[in-house]
Amino acid sequence: MSQDALQAHLDRLRAKFAAELPQKLAEADALLAALRAGDGEALKGLRFVVHRLNGTGGTMGFAALSQAAALLEARLDACLKAGGAGPEDVAAIAVGLAAVKAAA
């Protein structure tokens, strides 16, 4: 694959990621709402979504998004390790998700 073809392919992937970002953020919002409503499984789902935003965002050149997602992912990992998220955790997760959305 030539350098130009590779760049064009990466540009298409980047555009696809950007186009799908609103849906992924809406999914994260829905999971946060479920977590607030007491759904403990939502914590795992939210961590999975944020993990993907962290990794794929960095790969696709969305450095600020990836950094914000990495911070939120660390908080989610700590909650999972502790066995759940208390009210202060949920508030911090909401702030972290807002930072991810602002970076998008």
N, C-alpha and C. Protein backbone atom coordinates (compact mmCIF):
# COMPACT_ATOMS: atom_id res chain seq x y z
N MET A 1 0.85 -1.17 0.00
CA MET A 1 0.00 0.00 0.00
C MET A 1 0.89 1.23 0.00
N SER A 2 0.60 2.16 -0.90
CA SER A 2 1.41 3.37 -0.98
C SER A 2 1.12 4.29 0.20
N GLN A 3 2.00 5.22 0.42
CA GLN A 3 1.83 6.18 1.52
C GLN A 3 0.53 6.97 1.35
N ASP A 4 0.23 7.39 0.12
CA ASP A 4 -1.01 8.13 -0.12
C ASP A 4 -2.24 7.28 0.15
N ALA A 5 -2.19 6.03 -0.27
CA ALA A 5 -3.32 5.13 -0.04
C ALA A 5 -3.50 4.86 1.45
N LEU A 6 -2.41 4.68 2.14
CA LEU A 6 -2.47 4.47 3.58
C LEU A 6 -3.06 5.69 4.28
N GLN A 7 -2.62 6.88 3.89
CA GLN A 7 -3.14 8.11 4.49
C GLN A 7 -4.63 8.25 4.21
N ALA A 8 -5.04 7.93 3.01
CA ALA A 8 -6.46 8.02 2.66
C ALA A 8 -7.28 7.04 3.49
N HIS A 9 -6.74 5.85 3.70
CA HIS A 9 -7.43 4.85 4.51
C HIS A 9 -7.55 5.34 5.96
N LEU A 10 -6.47 5.87 6.51
CA LEU A 10 -6.50 6.40 7.87
C LEU A 10 -7.48 7.57 7.99
N ASP A 11 -7.54 8.40 6.97
CA ASP A 11 -8.47 9.53 6.98
C ASP A 11 -9.92 9.03 7.00
N ARG A 12 -10.21 7.97 6.26
CA ARG A 12 -11.56 7.38 6.25
C ARG A 12 -11.90 6.80 7.63
N LEU A 13 -10.93 6.10 8.24
CA LEU A 13 -11.15 5.55 9.57
C LEU A 13 -11.39 6.64 10.60
N ARG A 14 -10.61 7.71 10.51
CA ARG A 14 -10.76 8.84 11.42
C ARG A 14 -12.14 9.48 11.26
N ALA A 15 -12.57 9.65 10.01
CA ALA A 15 -13.89 10.24 9.75
C ALA A 15 -15.00 9.33 10.27
N LYS A 16 -14.84 8.03 10.11
CA LYS A 16 -15.84 7.08 10.61
C LYS A 16 -15.92 7.16 12.13
N PHE A 17 -14.77 7.19 12.78
CA PHE A 17 -14.74 7.30 14.24
C PHE A 17 -15.44 8.58 14.68
N ALA A 18 -15.13 9.69 14.03
CA ALA A 18 -15.75 10.98 14.39
C ALA A 18 -17.26 10.93 14.18
N ALA A 19 -17.70 10.29 13.10
CA ALA A 19 -19.13 10.21 12.82
C ALA A 19 -19.86 9.34 13.84
N GLU A 20 -19.19 8.32 14.36
CA GLU A 20 -19.81 7.41 15.33
C GLU A 20 -19.69 7.92 16.76
N LEU A 21 -18.90 8.93 16.97
CA LEU A 21 -18.65 9.44 18.32
C LEU A 21 -19.93 9.89 19.04
N PRO A 22 -20.84 10.62 18.40
CA PRO A 22 -22.06 11.01 19.12
C PRO A 22 -22.86 9.80 19.64
N GLN A 23 -22.91 8.74 18.87
CA GLN A 23 -23.62 7.53 19.30
C GLN A 23 -22.92 6.89 20.49
N LYS A 24 -21.61 6.84 20.47
CA LYS A 24 -20.86 6.25 21.58
C LYS A 24 -21.02 7.09 22.85
N LEU A 25 -21.04 8.40 22.70
CA LEU A 25 -21.23 9.27 23.86
C LEU A 25 -22.65 9.15 24.40
N ALA A 26 -23.62 8.98 23.51
CA ALA A 26 -25.00 8.76 23.96
C ALA A 26 -25.12 7.44 24.71
N GLU A 27 -24.41 6.43 24.25
CA GLU A 27 -24.39 5.15 24.95
C GLU A 27 -23.79 5.32 26.35
N ALA A 28 -22.73 6.08 26.44
CA ALA A 28 -22.11 6.34 27.75
C ALA A 28 -23.07 7.11 28.65
N ASP A 29 -23.79 8.08 28.10
CA ASP A 29 -24.79 8.83 28.88
C ASP A 29 -25.87 7.89 29.42
N ALA A 30 -26.35 6.99 28.57
CA ALA A 30 -27.39 6.05 28.98
C ALA A 30 -26.89 5.13 30.09
N LEU A 31 -25.64 4.70 29.98
CA LEU A 31 -25.06 3.85 31.02
C LEU A 31 -24.88 4.61 32.32
N LEU A 32 -24.51 5.87 32.23
CA LEU A 32 -24.40 6.68 33.44
C LEU A 32 -25.77 6.84 34.10
N ALA A 33 -26.79 7.06 33.30
CA ALA A 33 -28.15 7.17 33.85
C ALA A 33 -28.56 5.87 34.53
N ALA A 34 -28.22 4.74 33.93
CA ALA A 34 -28.53 3.44 34.53
C ALA A 34 -27.76 3.25 35.83
N LEU A 35 -26.51 3.69 35.84
CA LEU A 35 -25.70 3.60 37.06
C LEU A 35 -26.32 4.44 38.17
N ARG A 36 -26.76 5.64 37.82
CA ARG A 36 -27.41 6.51 38.81
C ARG A 36 -28.69 5.89 39.35
N ALA A 37 -29.35 5.08 38.51
CA ALA A 37 -30.60 4.43 38.91
C ALA A 37 -30.35 3.15 39.71
N GLY A 38 -29.07 2.82 39.92
CA GLY A 38 -28.75 1.66 40.75
C GLY A 38 -28.38 0.40 40.00
N ASP A 39 -28.23 0.47 38.70
CA ASP A 39 -27.84 -0.69 37.90
C ASP A 39 -26.33 -0.89 38.00
N GLY A 40 -25.90 -1.82 38.83
CA GLY A 40 -24.48 -2.09 39.03
C GLY A 40 -23.77 -2.58 37.79
N GLU A 41 -24.49 -3.28 36.91
CA GLU A 41 -23.89 -3.78 35.67
C GLU A 41 -23.52 -2.64 34.72
N ALA A 42 -24.18 -1.51 34.87
CA ALA A 42 -23.89 -0.36 34.01
C ALA A 42 -22.45 0.11 34.18
N LEU A 43 -21.89 -0.11 35.35
CA LEU A 43 -20.50 0.29 35.61
C LEU A 43 -19.56 -0.45 34.66
N LYS A 44 -19.78 -1.74 34.48
CA LYS A 44 -18.96 -2.53 33.56
C LYS A 44 -19.15 -2.06 32.12
N GLY A 45 -20.39 -1.82 31.74
CA GLY A 45 -20.67 -1.36 30.39
C GLY A 45 -20.05 -0.01 30.11
N LEU A 46 -20.15 0.89 31.07
CA LEU A 46 -19.56 2.22 30.90
C LEU A 46 -18.05 2.13 30.81
N ARG A 47 -17.46 1.28 31.61
CA ARG A 47 -16.01 1.10 31.54
C ARG A 47 -15.59 0.59 30.17
N PHE A 48 -16.37 -0.33 29.59
CA PHE A 48 -16.06 -0.87 28.27
C PHE A 48 -16.13 0.24 27.20
N VAL A 49 -17.17 1.05 27.24
CA VAL A 49 -17.33 2.14 26.26
C VAL A 49 -16.18 3.13 26.40
N VAL A 50 -15.87 3.51 27.64
CA VAL A 50 -14.81 4.49 27.88
C VAL A 50 -13.45 3.92 27.48
N HIS A 51 -13.24 2.64 27.73
CA HIS A 51 -11.99 2.00 27.33
C HIS A 51 -11.81 2.09 25.81
N ARG A 52 -12.87 1.83 25.08
CA ARG A 52 -12.80 1.92 23.60
C ARG A 52 -12.53 3.35 23.16
N LEU A 53 -13.16 4.32 23.81
CA LEU A 53 -12.91 5.72 23.46
C LEU A 53 -11.46 6.10 23.75
N ASN A 54 -10.93 5.60 24.83
CA ASN A 54 -9.54 5.86 25.19
C ASN A 54 -8.60 5.32 24.11
N GLY A 55 -8.73 4.04 23.83
CA GLY A 55 -7.81 3.40 22.89
C GLY A 55 -7.98 3.85 21.46
N THR A 56 -9.20 3.80 20.97
CA THR A 56 -9.44 4.16 19.58
C THR A 56 -9.24 5.66 19.37
N GLY A 57 -9.64 6.45 20.35
CA GLY A 57 -9.43 7.89 20.24
C GLY A 57 -7.96 8.23 20.07
N GLY A 58 -7.12 7.60 20.86
CA GLY A 58 -5.68 7.84 20.75
C GLY A 58 -5.13 7.39 19.41
N THR A 59 -5.57 6.24 18.97
CA THR A 59 -5.10 5.70 17.69
C THR A 59 -5.52 6.59 16.53
N MET A 60 -6.71 7.16 16.62
CA MET A 60 -7.25 7.98 15.53
C MET A 60 -6.82 9.44 15.60
N GLY A 61 -5.99 9.78 16.58
CA GLY A 61 -5.48 11.14 16.66
C GLY A 61 -6.30 12.10 17.49
N PHE A 62 -7.23 11.58 18.29
CA PHE A 62 -8.04 12.41 19.18
C PHE A 62 -7.40 12.37 20.57
N ALA A 63 -6.25 13.04 20.69
CA ALA A 63 -5.44 12.95 21.91
C ALA A 63 -6.17 13.45 23.14
N ALA A 64 -6.84 14.58 23.05
CA ALA A 64 -7.54 15.14 24.22
C ALA A 64 -8.66 14.21 24.66
N LEU A 65 -9.38 13.66 23.71
CA LEU A 65 -10.44 12.70 24.03
C LEU A 65 -9.86 11.47 24.72
N SER A 66 -8.77 10.97 24.19
CA SER A 66 -8.13 9.79 24.76
C SER A 66 -7.65 10.06 26.18
N GLN A 67 -7.07 11.22 26.41
CA GLN A 67 -6.57 11.56 27.75
C GLN A 67 -7.71 11.67 28.76
N ALA A 68 -8.79 12.31 28.36
CA ALA A 68 -9.94 12.44 29.26
C ALA A 68 -10.56 11.07 29.54
N ALA A 69 -10.64 10.24 28.51
CA ALA A 69 -11.19 8.90 28.67
C ALA A 69 -10.28 8.05 29.55
N ALA A 70 -8.97 8.22 29.44
CA ALA A 70 -8.04 7.45 30.28
C ALA A 70 -8.24 7.78 31.76
N LEU A 71 -8.44 9.05 32.07
CA LEU A 71 -8.68 9.45 33.46
C LEU A 71 -9.99 8.84 33.96
N LEU A 72 -11.02 8.89 33.14
CA LEU A 72 -12.30 8.32 33.54
C LEU A 72 -12.20 6.80 33.66
N GLU A 73 -11.49 6.19 32.76
CA GLU A 73 -11.32 4.74 32.81
C GLU A 73 -10.63 4.32 34.12
N ALA A 74 -9.65 5.09 34.56
CA ALA A 74 -8.97 4.78 35.82
C ALA A 74 -9.95 4.86 36.99
N ARG A 75 -10.83 5.84 36.98
CA ARG A 75 -11.83 5.96 38.05
C ARG A 75 -12.79 4.78 38.02
N LEU A 76 -13.22 4.41 36.81
CA LEU A 76 -14.13 3.27 36.66
C LEU A 76 -13.46 1.97 37.11
N ASP A 77 -12.19 1.81 36.76
CA ASP A 77 -11.45 0.62 37.20
C ASP A 77 -11.38 0.54 38.73
N ALA A 78 -11.15 1.69 39.36
CA ALA A 78 -11.08 1.72 40.82
C ALA A 78 -12.43 1.33 41.43
N CYS A 79 -13.50 1.80 40.84
CA CYS A 79 -14.84 1.45 41.33
C CYS A 79 -15.10 -0.04 41.16
N LEU A 80 -14.73 -0.57 40.02
CA LEU A 80 -14.92 -2.01 39.80
C LEU A 80 -14.11 -2.83 40.79
N LYS A 81 -12.89 -2.39 41.04
CA LYS A 81 -12.04 -3.10 42.00
C LYS A 81 -12.63 -3.04 43.40
N ALA A 82 -13.27 -1.91 43.73
CA ALA A 82 -13.87 -1.73 45.04
C ALA A 82 -15.22 -2.43 45.16
N GLY A 83 -15.74 -2.91 44.05
CA GLY A 83 -17.01 -3.62 44.09
C GLY A 83 -18.23 -2.78 43.79
N GLY A 84 -18.03 -1.54 43.38
CA GLY A 84 -19.17 -0.70 43.03
C GLY A 84 -18.84 0.77 43.13
N ALA A 85 -19.83 1.57 42.80
CA ALA A 85 -19.66 3.02 42.80
C ALA A 85 -20.64 3.64 43.79
N GLY A 86 -20.10 4.39 44.75
CA GLY A 86 -20.94 5.12 45.68
C GLY A 86 -21.35 6.45 45.08
N PRO A 87 -22.14 7.22 45.83
CA PRO A 87 -22.61 8.52 45.32
C PRO A 87 -21.49 9.47 44.90
N GLU A 88 -20.41 9.52 45.68
CA GLU A 88 -19.28 10.39 45.31
C GLU A 88 -18.62 9.89 44.04
N ASP A 89 -18.52 8.58 43.90
CA ASP A 89 -17.95 8.00 42.67
C ASP A 89 -18.80 8.36 41.47
N VAL A 90 -20.10 8.20 41.62
CA VAL A 90 -21.01 8.49 40.50
C VAL A 90 -20.90 9.95 40.10
N ALA A 91 -20.79 10.84 41.08
CA ALA A 91 -20.62 12.26 40.76
C ALA A 91 -19.31 12.50 40.02
N ALA A 92 -18.23 11.86 40.46
CA ALA A 92 -16.94 12.00 39.79
C ALA A 92 -16.97 11.40 38.39
N ILE A 93 -17.68 10.31 38.23
CA ILE A 93 -17.82 9.68 36.91
C ILE A 93 -18.57 10.63 35.97
N ALA A 94 -19.60 11.28 36.48
CA ALA A 94 -20.35 12.24 35.66
C ALA A 94 -19.46 13.39 35.21
N VAL A 95 -18.62 13.88 36.13
CA VAL A 95 -17.68 14.96 35.78
C VAL A 95 -16.69 14.46 34.73
N GLY A 96 -16.20 13.24 34.92
CA GLY A 96 -15.26 12.66 33.96
C GLY A 96 -15.88 12.48 32.59
N LEU A 97 -17.13 12.04 32.56
CA LEU A 97 -17.80 11.86 31.27
C LEU A 97 -18.03 13.21 30.60
N ALA A 98 -18.35 14.23 31.38
CA ALA A 98 -18.49 15.56 30.82
C ALA A 98 -17.18 16.04 30.19
N ALA A 99 -16.06 15.70 30.82
CA ALA A 99 -14.75 16.06 30.27
C ALA A 99 -14.48 15.32 28.96
N VAL A 100 -14.87 14.05 28.92
CA VAL A 100 -14.71 13.28 27.68
C VAL A 100 -15.53 13.91 26.57
N LYS A 101 -16.77 14.26 26.87
CA LYS A 101 -17.64 14.86 25.86
C LYS A 101 -17.10 16.22 25.41
N ALA A 102 -16.56 16.99 26.33
CA ALA A 102 -15.99 18.30 25.97
C ALA A 102 -14.78 18.14 25.07
N ALA A 103 -14.03 17.06 25.28
CA ALA A 103 -12.82 16.81 24.47
C ALA A 103 -13.16 16.25 23.10
N ALA A 104 -14.37 15.73 22.96
CA ALA A 104 -14.78 15.16 21.67
C ALA A 104 -15.06 16.29 20.72
